[in-house]
Amino acid sequence: TLRELAENDLARRLERVPGVASVGVGGGLRRQIRVELSREKITALDLSVGSRRIVDLLKIRTIGDLAQKTEAELLACPNFGQTSLNEVKSKLAQYGLKLKDS
């Protein structure tokens, strides 16, 4: 069944992805995949002080939240320039992620 596939295969594979805190399989009536990255993992990005300030200012809780931002949204923040943007993009790339397209 689909649930067995999710529990026995998909969940185990997702748990091995860097940044994934845990995987839980639930429900079963609706097709749905929800991936949540832990708050601690955003700190694991080891961002500079300036970039961390923007993460706090925008109330970004997870690496996934950060990846949902566009370059324009980040650059609109005070004291966030091209150097910080490049840092964020580089850190996201380490997790196989990128910023949302404009």
Protein backbone atom coordinates (compact mmCIF):
# COMPACT_ATOMS: atom_id res chain seq x y z
CA THR A 1 0.00 0.00 0.00
CA LEU A 2 0.98 3.63 -0.28
CA ARG A 3 1.25 3.97 3.49
CA GLU A 4 3.63 0.98 3.72
CA LEU A 5 5.77 2.50 0.99
CA ALA A 6 5.88 5.79 2.89
CA GLU A 7 6.74 4.12 6.21
CA ASN A 8 9.24 1.58 4.93
CA ASP A 9 10.98 3.41 2.14
CA LEU A 10 10.26 7.11 1.83
CA ALA A 11 10.53 7.93 5.55
CA ARG A 12 13.90 6.17 5.87
CA ARG A 13 15.27 7.97 2.82
CA LEU A 14 14.08 11.37 4.03
CA GLU A 15 15.63 10.85 7.46
CA ARG A 16 19.04 10.60 5.77
CA VAL A 17 18.70 14.02 4.10
CA PRO A 18 20.88 16.67 5.81
CA GLY A 19 18.68 19.06 7.77
CA VAL A 20 15.77 16.68 8.27
CA ALA A 21 15.14 16.37 12.00
CA SER A 22 12.59 13.55 11.88
CA VAL A 23 10.03 11.97 9.61
CA GLY A 24 6.57 10.89 10.68
CA VAL A 25 3.98 9.14 8.57
CA GLY A 26 0.38 9.83 9.44
CA GLY A 27 -3.06 10.10 8.01
CA GLY A 28 -3.67 8.10 4.94
CA LEU A 29 -6.88 9.50 3.55
CA ARG A 30 -5.25 12.35 1.62
CA ARG A 31 -2.08 12.26 -0.43
CA GLN A 32 0.25 14.63 1.34
CA ILE A 33 3.92 15.05 2.03
CA ARG A 34 5.04 17.55 4.61
CA VAL A 35 8.69 18.14 5.34
CA GLU A 36 9.62 20.21 8.37
CA LEU A 37 13.18 21.16 9.16
CA SER A 38 14.02 21.83 12.77
CA ARG A 39 14.70 25.34 14.11
CA GLU A 40 18.13 24.22 15.24
CA LYS A 41 19.07 23.44 11.68
CA ILE A 42 18.68 27.11 10.68
CA THR A 43 21.40 27.87 13.23
CA ALA A 44 23.47 25.05 11.75
CA LEU A 45 23.79 27.18 8.61
CA ASP A 46 26.32 29.20 10.61
CA LEU A 47 25.19 32.49 9.07
CA SER A 48 27.00 35.74 9.76
CA VAL A 49 25.57 38.11 12.37
CA GLY A 50 24.00 40.32 9.71
CA SER A 51 22.30 37.44 7.93
CA ARG A 52 21.05 35.99 11.23
CA ARG A 53 19.49 39.37 12.04
CA ILE A 54 17.50 39.22 8.81
CA VAL A 55 16.41 35.64 9.59
CA ASP A 56 15.08 36.90 12.94
CA LEU A 57 13.55 40.06 11.41
CA LEU A 58 11.62 38.02 8.84
CA LYS A 59 10.65 35.45 11.48
CA ILE A 60 12.25 32.64 9.50
CA ARG A 61 12.06 29.48 11.58
CA THR A 62 13.39 26.78 9.30
CA ILE A 63 15.72 26.36 6.37
CA GLY A 64 12.61 25.65 4.31
CA ASP A 65 11.15 29.03 5.34
CA LEU A 66 14.35 30.71 4.18
CA ALA A 67 14.22 28.88 0.84
CA GLN A 68 10.71 30.28 0.29
CA LYS A 69 12.05 33.85 0.23
CA THR A 70 13.07 35.57 -2.99
CA GLU A 71 16.26 37.52 -3.56
CA ALA A 72 14.18 40.70 -3.76
CA GLU A 73 12.55 40.03 -0.37
CA LEU A 74 15.93 39.58 1.29
CA LEU A 75 17.57 42.53 -0.45
CA ALA A 76 14.68 44.77 0.66
CA CYS A 77 15.76 44.27 4.28
CA PRO A 78 17.95 46.95 5.84
CA ASN A 79 21.69 46.20 5.85
CA PHE A 80 21.24 43.08 3.73
CA GLY A 81 23.34 43.38 0.59
CA GLN A 82 24.83 41.26 -2.14
CA THR A 83 27.49 39.76 0.15
CA SER A 84 24.83 38.52 2.60
CA LEU A 85 22.70 37.28 -0.28
CA ASN A 86 25.61 35.29 -1.69
CA GLU A 87 26.24 33.81 1.76
CA VAL A 88 22.61 32.70 2.12
CA LYS A 89 22.54 31.20 -1.37
CA SER A 90 25.78 29.31 -0.71
CA LYS A 91 24.50 27.93 2.61
CA LEU A 92 21.20 26.83 1.06
CA ALA A 93 23.08 25.11 -1.76
CA GLN A 94 24.84 22.93 0.84
CA TYR A 95 21.37 21.46 1.55
CA GLY A 96 20.43 21.19 -2.10
CA LEU A 97 18.10 24.19 -1.81
CA LYS A 98 17.85 27.60 -3.43
CA LEU A 99 15.85 30.76 -2.96
CA LYS A 100 12.40 30.98 -4.50
CA ASP A 101 12.33 32.40 -8.02
CA SER A 102 10.97 35.93 -8.30
